[in-house]
N, C-alpha and C. Protein backbone atom coordinates (compact mmCIF):
# COMPACT_ATOMS: atom_id res chain seq x y z
N MET A 1 0.84 -1.19 0.00
CA MET A 1 0.00 0.00 0.00
C MET A 1 0.88 1.25 0.00
N THR A 2 0.41 2.28 -0.65
CA THR A 2 1.08 3.58 -0.61
C THR A 2 0.06 4.63 -0.17
N THR A 3 0.55 5.79 0.24
CA THR A 3 -0.36 6.82 0.71
C THR A 3 -1.01 7.55 -0.47
N LYS A 4 -2.14 8.15 -0.19
CA LYS A 4 -2.89 8.91 -1.20
C LYS A 4 -2.40 10.35 -1.30
N PHE A 5 -1.37 10.68 -0.53
CA PHE A 5 -0.90 12.06 -0.47
C PHE A 5 0.62 12.08 -0.52
N ASN A 6 1.18 13.24 -0.84
CA ASN A 6 2.63 13.35 -1.04
C ASN A 6 3.29 14.23 0.00
N PHE A 7 2.98 13.99 1.25
CA PHE A 7 3.64 14.70 2.34
C PHE A 7 3.75 13.77 3.54
N SER A 8 4.43 14.22 4.57
CA SER A 8 4.75 13.34 5.69
C SER A 8 3.53 13.08 6.56
N PHE A 9 3.66 12.05 7.40
CA PHE A 9 2.60 11.74 8.36
C PHE A 9 2.45 12.88 9.37
N GLY A 10 3.59 13.50 9.72
CA GLY A 10 3.52 14.63 10.65
C GLY A 10 2.71 15.77 10.06
N THR A 11 2.91 16.04 8.77
CA THR A 11 2.14 17.09 8.10
C THR A 11 0.66 16.70 8.05
N LEU A 12 0.40 15.42 7.84
CA LEU A 12 -1.00 14.96 7.81
C LEU A 12 -1.71 15.28 9.12
N THR A 13 -1.07 14.98 10.26
CA THR A 13 -1.72 15.23 11.54
C THR A 13 -1.87 16.73 11.80
N GLN A 14 -0.90 17.53 11.32
CA GLN A 14 -1.04 18.99 11.45
C GLN A 14 -2.23 19.50 10.64
N ARG A 15 -2.38 18.97 9.45
CA ARG A 15 -3.53 19.37 8.63
C ARG A 15 -4.83 18.93 9.29
N ALA A 16 -4.82 17.73 9.87
CA ALA A 16 -6.02 17.25 10.56
C ALA A 16 -6.38 18.17 11.72
N ASP A 17 -5.37 18.65 12.45
CA ASP A 17 -5.62 19.60 13.54
C ASP A 17 -6.24 20.88 13.01
N ARG A 18 -5.75 21.34 11.88
CA ARG A 18 -6.30 22.56 11.29
C ARG A 18 -7.73 22.34 10.82
N ILE A 19 -7.99 21.17 10.22
CA ILE A 19 -9.36 20.86 9.79
C ILE A 19 -10.30 20.80 10.99
N ASP A 20 -9.80 20.27 12.11
CA ASP A 20 -10.61 20.23 13.33
C ASP A 20 -11.04 21.64 13.73
N SER A 21 -10.11 22.59 13.65
CA SER A 21 -10.46 23.97 14.02
C SER A 21 -11.41 24.59 12.99
N LEU A 22 -11.27 24.21 11.73
CA LEU A 22 -12.20 24.72 10.71
C LEU A 22 -13.60 24.15 10.91
N LEU A 23 -13.67 22.87 11.26
CA LEU A 23 -14.98 22.27 11.54
C LEU A 23 -15.65 22.94 12.73
N LEU A 24 -14.85 23.31 13.71
CA LEU A 24 -15.41 24.01 14.87
C LEU A 24 -15.89 25.40 14.46
N ARG A 25 -15.09 26.08 13.69
CA ARG A 25 -15.46 27.43 13.23
C ARG A 25 -16.72 27.41 12.37
N ASP A 26 -16.81 26.40 11.49
CA ASP A 26 -17.91 26.35 10.52
C ASP A 26 -18.94 25.29 10.88
N ALA A 27 -19.08 25.02 12.17
CA ALA A 27 -19.96 23.94 12.63
C ALA A 27 -21.39 24.10 12.12
N ALA A 28 -21.92 25.30 12.16
CA ALA A 28 -23.32 25.51 11.75
C ALA A 28 -23.51 25.17 10.27
N GLU A 29 -22.55 25.62 9.44
CA GLU A 29 -22.66 25.35 8.00
C GLU A 29 -22.57 23.85 7.70
N PHE A 30 -21.66 23.17 8.39
CA PHE A 30 -21.53 21.73 8.17
C PHE A 30 -22.74 20.97 8.71
N ALA A 31 -23.29 21.40 9.83
CA ALA A 31 -24.46 20.74 10.40
C ALA A 31 -25.64 20.79 9.44
N ALA A 32 -25.74 21.90 8.72
CA ALA A 32 -26.84 22.05 7.76
C ALA A 32 -26.74 21.02 6.63
N LEU A 33 -25.56 20.49 6.43
CA LEU A 33 -25.35 19.47 5.39
C LEU A 33 -25.23 18.06 5.98
N GLY A 34 -25.56 17.92 7.26
CA GLY A 34 -25.59 16.60 7.89
C GLY A 34 -24.32 16.19 8.59
N TYR A 35 -23.36 17.10 8.71
CA TYR A 35 -22.10 16.79 9.40
C TYR A 35 -22.18 17.33 10.83
N GLU A 36 -22.61 16.47 11.73
CA GLU A 36 -22.78 16.87 13.13
C GLU A 36 -21.44 16.83 13.86
N ASP A 37 -21.46 17.19 15.14
CA ASP A 37 -20.24 17.19 15.96
C ASP A 37 -19.59 15.81 16.02
N SER A 38 -20.41 14.76 15.88
CA SER A 38 -19.88 13.40 15.97
C SER A 38 -18.89 13.13 14.83
N TYR A 39 -19.09 13.78 13.68
CA TYR A 39 -18.16 13.59 12.56
C TYR A 39 -16.79 14.19 12.90
N ARG A 40 -16.83 15.36 13.48
CA ARG A 40 -15.58 16.00 13.92
C ARG A 40 -14.90 15.16 15.00
N ALA A 41 -15.70 14.65 15.93
CA ALA A 41 -15.14 13.83 17.01
C ALA A 41 -14.52 12.55 16.46
N ASP A 42 -15.12 11.98 15.42
CA ASP A 42 -14.60 10.77 14.81
C ASP A 42 -13.24 11.03 14.17
N LEU A 43 -13.12 12.14 13.46
CA LEU A 43 -11.83 12.50 12.86
C LEU A 43 -10.78 12.70 13.93
N LYS A 44 -11.13 13.41 14.98
CA LYS A 44 -10.17 13.67 16.06
C LYS A 44 -9.73 12.37 16.72
N ALA A 45 -10.67 11.45 16.93
CA ALA A 45 -10.34 10.16 17.54
C ALA A 45 -9.38 9.36 16.64
N ASN A 46 -9.65 9.38 15.35
CA ASN A 46 -8.78 8.66 14.41
C ASN A 46 -7.37 9.23 14.41
N VAL A 47 -7.27 10.55 14.48
CA VAL A 47 -5.95 11.20 14.50
C VAL A 47 -5.22 10.87 15.81
N ASP A 48 -5.96 10.87 16.92
CA ASP A 48 -5.34 10.54 18.21
C ASP A 48 -4.77 9.12 18.21
N VAL A 49 -5.54 8.17 17.65
CA VAL A 49 -5.07 6.79 17.56
C VAL A 49 -3.83 6.72 16.67
N PHE A 50 -3.87 7.43 15.55
CA PHE A 50 -2.75 7.41 14.61
C PHE A 50 -1.48 7.96 15.26
N ARG A 51 -1.62 9.01 16.04
CA ARG A 51 -0.45 9.61 16.69
C ARG A 51 0.22 8.65 17.67
N GLN A 52 -0.54 7.74 18.23
CA GLN A 52 0.00 6.81 19.22
C GLN A 52 0.72 5.63 18.58
N LEU A 53 0.55 5.44 17.27
CA LEU A 53 1.20 4.31 16.60
C LEU A 53 2.71 4.54 16.57
N PRO A 54 3.50 3.54 16.94
CA PRO A 54 4.95 3.68 16.83
C PRO A 54 5.37 3.96 15.39
N SER A 55 6.36 4.80 15.22
CA SER A 55 6.81 5.18 13.89
C SER A 55 7.62 4.06 13.25
N ASP A 56 7.92 4.24 11.96
CA ASP A 56 8.77 3.27 11.28
C ASP A 56 10.17 3.27 11.87
N ASP A 57 10.62 4.41 12.38
CA ASP A 57 11.93 4.47 13.03
C ASP A 57 11.98 3.52 14.23
N TYR A 58 10.86 3.45 14.97
CA TYR A 58 10.80 2.54 16.11
C TYR A 58 10.95 1.09 15.65
N TRP A 59 10.16 0.72 14.64
CA TRP A 59 10.19 -0.67 14.17
C TRP A 59 11.51 -1.00 13.50
N LEU A 60 12.12 -0.02 12.82
CA LEU A 60 13.44 -0.23 12.25
C LEU A 60 14.46 -0.48 13.35
N GLY A 61 14.34 0.28 14.45
CA GLY A 61 15.23 0.07 15.59
C GLY A 61 15.09 -1.32 16.17
N GLN A 62 13.85 -1.80 16.30
CA GLN A 62 13.62 -3.15 16.82
C GLN A 62 14.21 -4.19 15.87
N GLN A 63 14.07 -3.95 14.58
CA GLN A 63 14.64 -4.87 13.59
C GLN A 63 16.17 -4.88 13.70
N MET A 64 16.76 -3.72 13.91
CA MET A 64 18.21 -3.64 14.05
C MET A 64 18.69 -4.40 15.28
N LEU A 65 17.93 -4.33 16.37
CA LEU A 65 18.30 -5.07 17.59
C LEU A 65 18.27 -6.57 17.34
N GLN A 66 17.25 -7.03 16.62
CA GLN A 66 17.17 -8.46 16.31
C GLN A 66 18.30 -8.88 15.37
N THR A 67 18.64 -8.01 14.43
CA THR A 67 19.74 -8.31 13.52
C THR A 67 21.06 -8.40 14.27
N GLU A 68 21.26 -7.51 15.25
CA GLU A 68 22.48 -7.54 16.05
C GLU A 68 22.55 -8.81 16.90
N ALA A 69 21.41 -9.22 17.46
CA ALA A 69 21.38 -10.46 18.25
C ALA A 69 21.74 -11.65 17.38
N LYS A 70 21.23 -11.67 16.16
CA LYS A 70 21.56 -12.76 15.23
C LYS A 70 23.05 -12.73 14.88
N LYS A 71 23.57 -11.53 14.64
CA LYS A 71 24.98 -11.39 14.28
C LYS A 71 25.89 -11.92 15.39
N LYS A 72 25.55 -11.59 16.64
CA LYS A 72 26.37 -12.05 17.77
C LYS A 72 26.31 -13.58 17.90
N ALA A 73 25.11 -14.16 17.72
CA ALA A 73 24.98 -15.61 17.81
C ALA A 73 25.75 -16.28 16.68
N LEU A 74 25.70 -15.70 15.49
CA LEU A 74 26.42 -16.25 14.34
C LEU A 74 27.93 -16.20 14.59
N GLU A 75 28.42 -15.09 15.10
CA GLU A 75 29.86 -14.96 15.39
C GLU A 75 30.29 -15.96 16.46
N SER A 76 29.45 -16.12 17.48
CA SER A 76 29.79 -17.05 18.56
C SER A 76 29.82 -18.49 18.06
N LEU A 77 28.84 -18.86 17.24
CA LEU A 77 28.80 -20.22 16.72
C LEU A 77 30.00 -20.48 15.80
N THR A 78 30.31 -19.51 14.95
CA THR A 78 31.46 -19.67 14.05
C THR A 78 32.75 -19.81 14.84
N ASP A 79 32.93 -19.00 15.87
CA ASP A 79 34.14 -19.08 16.70
C ASP A 79 34.25 -20.44 17.38
N GLN A 80 33.13 -20.96 17.88
CA GLN A 80 33.16 -22.27 18.55
C GLN A 80 33.51 -23.37 17.56
N LEU A 81 32.96 -23.29 16.36
CA LEU A 81 33.26 -24.31 15.35
C LEU A 81 34.73 -24.25 14.93
N ILE A 82 35.27 -23.05 14.79
CA ILE A 82 36.68 -22.90 14.42
C ILE A 82 37.58 -23.46 15.53
N ASN A 83 37.20 -23.23 16.78
CA ASN A 83 37.96 -23.78 17.91
C ASN A 83 37.91 -25.31 17.89
N LEU A 84 36.73 -25.85 17.63
CA LEU A 84 36.60 -27.31 17.57
C LEU A 84 37.38 -27.88 16.40
N ARG A 85 37.40 -27.16 15.29
CA ARG A 85 38.18 -27.62 14.12
C ARG A 85 39.66 -27.72 14.47
N PHE A 86 40.18 -26.72 15.16
CA PHE A 86 41.59 -26.72 15.55
C PHE A 86 41.89 -27.89 16.48
N ARG A 87 41.04 -28.09 17.45
CA ARG A 87 41.26 -29.17 18.41
C ARG A 87 41.14 -30.54 17.74
N ALA A 88 40.14 -30.69 16.85
CA ALA A 88 39.94 -31.97 16.18
C ALA A 88 41.11 -32.30 15.25
N LYS A 89 41.65 -31.27 14.59
CA LYS A 89 42.79 -31.49 13.68
C LYS A 89 44.00 -32.00 14.46
N LEU A 90 44.25 -31.42 15.65
CA LEU A 90 45.38 -31.86 16.46
C LEU A 90 45.15 -33.27 17.01
N ALA A 91 43.91 -33.54 17.39
CA ALA A 91 43.62 -34.84 18.02
C ALA A 91 43.55 -35.97 17.00
N LEU A 92 43.01 -35.68 15.81
CA LEU A 92 42.74 -36.75 14.84
C LEU A 92 43.73 -36.80 13.70
N GLY A 93 44.38 -35.67 13.42
CA GLY A 93 45.24 -35.59 12.24
C GLY A 93 44.45 -35.11 11.05
N GLU A 94 45.01 -34.13 10.35
CA GLU A 94 44.26 -33.46 9.28
C GLU A 94 43.88 -34.40 8.14
N GLN A 95 44.67 -35.44 7.93
CA GLN A 95 44.42 -36.36 6.81
C GLN A 95 43.61 -37.59 7.20
N SER A 96 43.25 -37.68 8.47
CA SER A 96 42.52 -38.86 8.93
C SER A 96 41.09 -38.86 8.41
N VAL A 97 40.54 -40.05 8.27
CA VAL A 97 39.14 -40.19 7.85
C VAL A 97 38.21 -39.57 8.89
N ASP A 98 38.54 -39.75 10.17
CA ASP A 98 37.70 -39.20 11.24
C ASP A 98 37.61 -37.67 11.12
N TYR A 99 38.77 -37.04 10.90
CA TYR A 99 38.76 -35.58 10.79
C TYR A 99 38.00 -35.13 9.54
N ARG A 100 38.27 -35.79 8.41
CA ARG A 100 37.60 -35.41 7.17
C ARG A 100 36.09 -35.63 7.25
N ALA A 101 35.67 -36.57 8.08
CA ALA A 101 34.24 -36.83 8.25
C ALA A 101 33.52 -35.65 8.90
N LEU A 102 34.26 -34.82 9.61
CA LEU A 102 33.65 -33.66 10.26
C LEU A 102 33.36 -32.52 9.27
N ARG A 103 34.03 -32.52 8.12
CA ARG A 103 33.72 -31.58 7.03
C ARG A 103 33.93 -30.12 7.43
N PHE A 104 34.96 -29.86 8.20
CA PHE A 104 35.19 -28.50 8.71
C PHE A 104 35.53 -27.49 7.61
N GLY A 105 35.99 -27.95 6.47
CA GLY A 105 36.38 -27.03 5.42
C GLY A 105 35.23 -26.19 4.89
N LYS A 106 34.01 -26.52 5.22
CA LYS A 106 32.84 -25.80 4.69
C LYS A 106 32.44 -24.59 5.53
N ILE A 107 33.06 -24.39 6.69
CA ILE A 107 32.59 -23.37 7.62
C ILE A 107 32.51 -21.98 6.98
N GLN A 108 33.56 -21.56 6.32
CA GLN A 108 33.68 -20.18 5.87
C GLN A 108 32.71 -19.83 4.75
N THR A 109 32.18 -20.81 4.05
CA THR A 109 31.34 -20.53 2.88
C THR A 109 29.85 -20.75 3.13
N MET A 110 29.50 -21.13 4.35
CA MET A 110 28.10 -21.50 4.63
C MET A 110 27.22 -20.29 4.92
N LYS A 111 26.01 -20.36 4.47
CA LYS A 111 25.00 -19.41 4.88
C LYS A 111 24.58 -19.74 6.31
N GLU A 112 24.00 -18.74 6.99
CA GLU A 112 23.72 -18.92 8.41
C GLU A 112 22.75 -20.08 8.67
N GLN A 113 21.75 -20.28 7.78
CA GLN A 113 20.82 -21.38 7.99
C GLN A 113 21.52 -22.73 7.84
N ASP A 114 22.46 -22.80 6.87
CA ASP A 114 23.19 -24.05 6.66
C ASP A 114 24.18 -24.30 7.80
N LEU A 115 24.68 -23.23 8.40
CA LEU A 115 25.62 -23.37 9.51
C LEU A 115 24.95 -24.05 10.71
N ILE A 116 23.68 -23.82 10.88
CA ILE A 116 22.93 -24.46 11.96
C ILE A 116 22.92 -25.97 11.76
N ILE A 117 22.62 -26.40 10.54
CA ILE A 117 22.60 -27.84 10.23
C ILE A 117 24.00 -28.42 10.41
N PHE A 118 25.00 -27.67 9.94
CA PHE A 118 26.37 -28.14 10.07
C PHE A 118 26.78 -28.29 11.53
N ALA A 119 26.39 -27.32 12.36
CA ALA A 119 26.74 -27.39 13.79
C ALA A 119 26.12 -28.62 14.44
N HIS A 120 24.90 -28.97 14.05
CA HIS A 120 24.29 -30.20 14.56
C HIS A 120 25.11 -31.42 14.13
N HIS A 121 25.58 -31.40 12.90
CA HIS A 121 26.42 -32.50 12.39
C HIS A 121 27.70 -32.63 13.21
N VAL A 122 28.37 -31.50 13.46
CA VAL A 122 29.62 -31.53 14.22
C VAL A 122 29.37 -32.04 15.63
N SER A 123 28.32 -31.55 16.26
CA SER A 123 28.00 -31.97 17.63
C SER A 123 27.75 -33.47 17.70
N THR A 124 26.95 -33.98 16.77
CA THR A 124 26.63 -35.41 16.77
C THR A 124 27.85 -36.27 16.47
N THR A 125 28.63 -35.85 15.46
CA THR A 125 29.79 -36.64 15.06
C THR A 125 30.87 -36.64 16.14
N CYS A 126 31.10 -35.50 16.76
CA CYS A 126 32.11 -35.43 17.82
C CYS A 126 31.72 -36.30 19.01
N ARG A 127 30.45 -36.35 19.32
CA ARG A 127 30.02 -37.20 20.45
C ARG A 127 30.28 -38.68 20.17
N GLN A 128 30.24 -39.04 18.90
CA GLN A 128 30.47 -40.44 18.54
C GLN A 128 31.95 -40.83 18.66
N MET A 129 32.83 -39.81 18.70
CA MET A 129 34.27 -40.12 18.78
C MET A 129 34.96 -39.36 19.91
N LEU A 130 34.23 -39.10 21.00
CA LEU A 130 34.83 -38.36 22.11
C LEU A 130 36.06 -39.05 22.66
N ASP A 131 36.09 -40.37 22.58
CA ASP A 131 37.26 -41.09 23.11
C ASP A 131 38.52 -40.79 22.30
N LYS A 132 38.36 -40.32 21.07
CA LYS A 132 39.52 -39.99 20.22
C LYS A 132 39.88 -38.50 20.30
N LEU A 133 39.07 -37.74 20.98
CA LEU A 133 39.24 -36.28 20.99
C LEU A 133 39.71 -35.77 22.36
N ASP A 134 40.55 -36.58 23.02
CA ASP A 134 40.94 -36.22 24.37
C ASP A 134 42.25 -35.44 24.44
N ARG A 135 42.90 -35.16 23.30
CA ARG A 135 44.13 -34.39 23.33
C ARG A 135 44.30 -33.60 22.04
N PRO A 136 44.14 -32.25 22.07
CA PRO A 136 43.60 -31.45 23.18
C PRO A 136 42.10 -31.68 23.33
N ASN A 137 41.61 -31.48 24.49
CA ASN A 137 40.27 -31.91 24.83
C ASN A 137 39.17 -31.25 24.00
N ILE A 138 38.28 -32.07 23.47
CA ILE A 138 36.93 -31.64 23.08
C ILE A 138 36.01 -32.37 24.03
N THR A 139 35.34 -31.60 24.88
CA THR A 139 34.57 -32.19 25.97
C THR A 139 33.08 -32.12 25.68
N GLU A 140 32.34 -32.87 26.47
CA GLU A 140 30.87 -32.82 26.39
C GLU A 140 30.36 -31.42 26.69
N GLU A 141 31.03 -30.74 27.60
CA GLU A 141 30.62 -29.37 27.93
C GLU A 141 30.74 -28.45 26.71
N MET A 142 31.83 -28.61 25.95
CA MET A 142 32.00 -27.81 24.74
C MET A 142 30.87 -28.09 23.75
N LEU A 143 30.53 -29.34 23.61
CA LEU A 143 29.47 -29.71 22.66
C LEU A 143 28.11 -29.22 23.14
N THR A 144 27.90 -29.23 24.45
CA THR A 144 26.65 -28.69 25.00
C THR A 144 26.55 -27.20 24.74
N ASN A 145 27.67 -26.50 24.92
CA ASN A 145 27.70 -25.06 24.62
C ASN A 145 27.44 -24.81 23.13
N LEU A 146 28.00 -25.68 22.29
CA LEU A 146 27.76 -25.57 20.85
C LEU A 146 26.28 -25.73 20.54
N ASP A 147 25.64 -26.69 21.17
CA ASP A 147 24.21 -26.92 20.96
C ASP A 147 23.39 -25.70 21.39
N THR A 148 23.79 -25.11 22.52
CA THR A 148 23.06 -23.93 23.03
C THR A 148 23.18 -22.76 22.06
N THR A 149 24.39 -22.52 21.58
CA THR A 149 24.61 -21.40 20.65
C THR A 149 23.89 -21.65 19.33
N THR A 150 23.85 -22.90 18.90
CA THR A 150 23.13 -23.26 17.66
C THR A 150 21.66 -22.91 17.79
N ARG A 151 21.08 -23.26 18.93
CA ARG A 151 19.65 -22.93 19.17
C ARG A 151 19.46 -21.41 19.22
N GLN A 152 20.41 -20.71 19.83
CA GLN A 152 20.30 -19.25 19.91
C GLN A 152 20.31 -18.62 18.52
N LEU A 153 21.18 -19.12 17.66
CA LEU A 153 21.22 -18.59 16.29
C LEU A 153 19.94 -18.92 15.55
N ASP A 154 19.47 -20.14 15.71
CA ASP A 154 18.22 -20.55 15.05
C ASP A 154 17.06 -19.65 15.48
N ASP A 155 16.98 -19.42 16.80
CA ASP A 155 15.92 -18.56 17.34
C ASP A 155 16.09 -17.12 16.86
N ALA A 156 17.33 -16.65 16.81
CA ALA A 156 17.59 -15.27 16.41
C ALA A 156 17.20 -15.03 14.95
N ILE A 157 17.46 -16.02 14.10
CA ILE A 157 17.06 -15.91 12.70
C ILE A 157 15.54 -15.82 12.59
N ASP A 158 14.85 -16.67 13.36
CA ASP A 158 13.38 -16.64 13.35
C ASP A 158 12.85 -15.31 13.84
N GLU A 159 13.46 -14.78 14.92
CA GLU A 159 13.00 -13.51 15.49
C GLU A 159 13.24 -12.36 14.53
N GLN A 160 14.38 -12.41 13.84
CA GLN A 160 14.65 -11.34 12.86
C GLN A 160 13.62 -11.37 11.73
N LYS A 161 13.31 -12.56 11.24
CA LYS A 161 12.32 -12.68 10.16
C LYS A 161 10.95 -12.20 10.63
N LYS A 162 10.60 -12.57 11.88
CA LYS A 162 9.31 -12.12 12.41
C LYS A 162 9.26 -10.61 12.54
N MET A 163 10.38 -10.01 12.96
CA MET A 163 10.41 -8.57 13.12
C MET A 163 10.31 -7.86 11.78
N ILE A 164 10.95 -8.41 10.75
CA ILE A 164 10.83 -7.83 9.41
C ILE A 164 9.38 -7.87 8.95
N SER A 165 8.72 -9.02 9.16
CA SER A 165 7.31 -9.14 8.77
C SER A 165 6.44 -8.21 9.59
N ASN A 166 6.75 -8.10 10.87
CA ASN A 166 5.98 -7.24 11.76
C ASN A 166 6.12 -5.78 11.34
N ARG A 167 7.34 -5.39 10.99
CA ARG A 167 7.56 -4.01 10.55
C ARG A 167 6.75 -3.73 9.28
N GLU A 168 6.75 -4.66 8.35
CA GLU A 168 5.97 -4.48 7.12
C GLU A 168 4.48 -4.35 7.43
N ALA A 169 4.00 -5.18 8.37
CA ALA A 169 2.59 -5.12 8.74
C ALA A 169 2.24 -3.80 9.41
N LYS A 170 3.14 -3.31 10.27
CA LYS A 170 2.90 -2.04 10.95
C LYS A 170 2.95 -0.87 9.96
N THR A 171 3.83 -0.97 8.97
CA THR A 171 3.88 0.06 7.93
C THR A 171 2.55 0.10 7.18
N PHE A 172 2.04 -1.07 6.83
CA PHE A 172 0.75 -1.15 6.13
C PHE A 172 -0.36 -0.57 6.99
N GLU A 173 -0.34 -0.91 8.29
CA GLU A 173 -1.38 -0.41 9.20
C GLU A 173 -1.36 1.11 9.27
N ARG A 174 -0.15 1.69 9.41
CA ARG A 174 -0.05 3.15 9.50
C ARG A 174 -0.49 3.82 8.21
N GLU A 175 -0.10 3.25 7.06
CA GLU A 175 -0.51 3.82 5.78
C GLU A 175 -2.03 3.72 5.60
N GLU A 176 -2.60 2.60 6.03
CA GLU A 176 -4.05 2.41 5.93
C GLU A 176 -4.79 3.45 6.75
N LYS A 177 -4.35 3.66 7.99
CA LYS A 177 -5.00 4.64 8.86
C LYS A 177 -4.77 6.06 8.36
N ALA A 178 -3.56 6.31 7.84
CA ALA A 178 -3.26 7.64 7.30
C ALA A 178 -4.15 7.95 6.10
N ASN A 179 -4.35 6.97 5.24
CA ASN A 179 -5.20 7.17 4.07
C ASN A 179 -6.65 7.41 4.48
N ALA A 180 -7.08 6.73 5.53
CA ALA A 180 -8.45 6.93 6.01
C ALA A 180 -8.62 8.36 6.53
N ILE A 181 -7.61 8.85 7.25
CA ILE A 181 -7.66 10.23 7.76
C ILE A 181 -7.65 11.21 6.59
N TYR A 182 -6.78 10.95 5.62
CA TYR A 182 -6.73 11.86 4.49
C TYR A 182 -8.05 11.87 3.72
N THR A 183 -8.68 10.71 3.59
CA THR A 183 -9.98 10.64 2.91
C THR A 183 -11.01 11.50 3.64
N GLN A 184 -10.98 11.44 4.97
CA GLN A 184 -11.89 12.29 5.75
C GLN A 184 -11.59 13.77 5.51
N ILE A 185 -10.31 14.12 5.53
CA ILE A 185 -9.91 15.51 5.30
C ILE A 185 -10.36 15.97 3.91
N ALA A 186 -10.14 15.12 2.90
CA ALA A 186 -10.50 15.48 1.53
C ALA A 186 -12.00 15.71 1.40
N GLU A 187 -12.77 14.85 2.05
CA GLU A 187 -14.23 15.02 2.00
C GLU A 187 -14.65 16.33 2.66
N ILE A 188 -14.10 16.61 3.83
CA ILE A 188 -14.43 17.84 4.54
C ILE A 188 -14.06 19.05 3.70
N CYS A 189 -12.90 18.98 3.05
CA CYS A 189 -12.46 20.12 2.25
C CYS A 189 -13.35 20.34 1.03
N GLU A 190 -13.83 19.25 0.43
CA GLU A 190 -14.74 19.40 -0.69
C GLU A 190 -16.03 20.09 -0.25
N VAL A 191 -16.52 19.68 0.91
CA VAL A 191 -17.74 20.30 1.44
C VAL A 191 -17.47 21.75 1.81
N GLY A 192 -16.32 21.99 2.46
CA GLY A 192 -15.98 23.35 2.86
C GLY A 192 -15.86 24.29 1.67
N LYS A 193 -15.25 23.81 0.59
CA LYS A 193 -15.16 24.65 -0.61
C LYS A 193 -16.54 24.96 -1.16
N LYS A 194 -17.40 23.95 -1.14
CA LYS A 194 -18.76 24.16 -1.65
C LYS A 194 -19.51 25.19 -0.79
N ILE A 195 -19.31 25.11 0.53
CA ILE A 195 -19.99 26.04 1.45
C ILE A 195 -19.58 27.48 1.17
N TRP A 196 -18.27 27.71 1.01
CA TRP A 196 -17.76 29.09 0.95
C TRP A 196 -17.48 29.59 -0.46
N GLU A 197 -17.74 28.75 -1.45
CA GLU A 197 -17.56 29.18 -2.83
C GLU A 197 -18.42 30.41 -3.13
N GLU A 198 -17.77 31.45 -3.61
CA GLU A 198 -18.43 32.71 -3.96
C GLU A 198 -19.06 33.43 -2.76
N ARG A 199 -18.71 32.96 -1.53
CA ARG A 199 -19.20 33.63 -0.32
C ARG A 199 -18.07 34.28 0.47
N ASN A 200 -16.97 33.54 0.62
CA ASN A 200 -15.86 34.04 1.43
C ASN A 200 -14.57 33.41 0.88
N GLU A 201 -13.79 34.21 0.17
CA GLU A 201 -12.61 33.67 -0.51
C GLU A 201 -11.57 33.13 0.47
N ALA A 202 -11.38 33.83 1.58
CA ALA A 202 -10.39 33.38 2.57
C ALA A 202 -10.77 32.03 3.16
N TYR A 203 -12.06 31.89 3.54
CA TYR A 203 -12.53 30.62 4.09
C TYR A 203 -12.45 29.52 3.04
N TYR A 204 -12.80 29.86 1.80
CA TYR A 204 -12.73 28.90 0.70
C TYR A 204 -11.29 28.39 0.54
N ASN A 205 -10.34 29.31 0.58
CA ASN A 205 -8.93 28.94 0.39
C ASN A 205 -8.40 28.06 1.51
N ASP A 206 -8.96 28.20 2.73
CA ASP A 206 -8.57 27.31 3.83
C ASP A 206 -8.74 25.86 3.41
N TYR A 207 -9.85 25.56 2.79
CA TYR A 207 -10.16 24.18 2.42
C TYR A 207 -9.39 23.73 1.18
N VAL A 208 -9.03 24.68 0.32
CA VAL A 208 -8.18 24.35 -0.83
C VAL A 208 -6.80 23.91 -0.35
N ILE A 209 -6.24 24.69 0.58
CA ILE A 209 -4.89 24.42 1.09
C ILE A 209 -4.82 23.08 1.81
N TYR A 210 -5.69 22.88 2.76
CA TYR A 210 -5.55 21.71 3.62
C TYR A 210 -6.08 20.44 3.00
N GLY A 211 -6.84 20.55 1.91
CA GLY A 211 -7.30 19.36 1.20
C GLY A 211 -6.37 18.90 0.11
N SER A 212 -5.27 19.61 -0.11
CA SER A 212 -4.34 19.27 -1.18
C SER A 212 -3.64 17.94 -0.91
N LYS A 213 -3.34 17.22 -1.98
CA LYS A 213 -2.57 15.98 -1.86
C LYS A 213 -1.08 16.24 -1.81
N GLU A 214 -0.68 17.43 -2.22
CA GLU A 214 0.73 17.74 -2.37
C GLU A 214 1.26 18.48 -1.15
N ALA A 215 2.58 18.35 -0.93
CA ALA A 215 3.25 19.21 0.04
C ALA A 215 3.15 20.63 -0.50
N ILE A 216 2.84 21.57 0.36
CA ILE A 216 2.59 22.95 -0.07
C ILE A 216 3.51 23.91 0.66
N GLU A 217 3.67 25.08 0.10
CA GLU A 217 4.58 26.07 0.67
C GLU A 217 4.21 26.39 2.11
N GLU A 218 2.93 26.41 2.39
CA GLU A 218 2.47 26.72 3.75
C GLU A 218 3.03 25.70 4.74
N ASP A 219 3.06 24.42 4.35
CA ASP A 219 3.60 23.38 5.23
C ASP A 219 5.09 23.60 5.46
N GLU A 220 5.81 23.93 4.38
CA GLU A 220 7.25 24.12 4.49
C GLU A 220 7.58 25.30 5.40
N GLU A 221 6.80 26.37 5.30
CA GLU A 221 7.03 27.53 6.15
C GLU A 221 6.78 27.17 7.62
N THR A 222 5.73 26.39 7.87
CA THR A 222 5.41 26.00 9.23
C THR A 222 6.54 25.15 9.82
N GLU A 223 7.04 24.19 9.01
CA GLU A 223 8.12 23.33 9.50
C GLU A 223 9.39 24.14 9.76
N ALA A 224 9.66 25.13 8.92
CA ALA A 224 10.84 25.97 9.12
C ALA A 224 10.72 26.79 10.39
N GLU A 225 9.51 27.29 10.65
CA GLU A 225 9.28 28.06 11.89
C GLU A 225 9.48 27.17 13.11
N GLU A 226 8.98 25.93 13.04
CA GLU A 226 9.11 25.02 14.19
C GLU A 226 10.57 24.69 14.43
N SER A 227 11.35 24.52 13.35
CA SER A 227 12.77 24.21 13.49
C SER A 227 13.54 25.36 14.12
N ALA A 228 13.08 26.59 13.86
CA ALA A 228 13.77 27.76 14.37
C ALA A 228 13.46 28.01 15.85
N GLU A 229 12.34 27.43 16.34
CA GLU A 229 11.95 27.69 17.74
C GLU A 229 12.83 26.93 18.71
């Protein structure tokens, strides 16, 4: 989904605030056309809900935290496998069938999902030959730690994927609600223009400005003033 307008969400809520004040000012005229106070209250409620939604920056931050957790688990698992490779090579001999059965040469080229499967293979295979891996020691404790880190990486990958999907869903939700607010604003502005057409040019122009789909000079001036304060 994309928005129906070409300005920021912050500008949208500012325009909604301005429309709220216009509806209050022109309440009698709108009431004559069937727009009671409840319509204004509905718009205000929708804007209040929208303002409370976490921004994309928030969800991006959460995604970055999950990515960092995955990165740390991946680094830890890789380091443990490299340590086990060194110990296994000394204990078994690099040319031995036992060592070659561990397939350590694949570590550096594996994708993270494949590394999880590989770590399970190393853990299982090493347990089958622990009696041959006693110098330098590869212990059950090391293999248990390897299993724990493997699960952590597996979980971290899942959490990162869920967070990416969640961020996409939240983006869609915010755009959907923003479009609904803009649709309300556009309708009000069409009615407002009709009310004040050929009656009051200044009031008419209020509805032209705030019903626009485009970023307008008035918005830019307001943002510049806020930055200067």
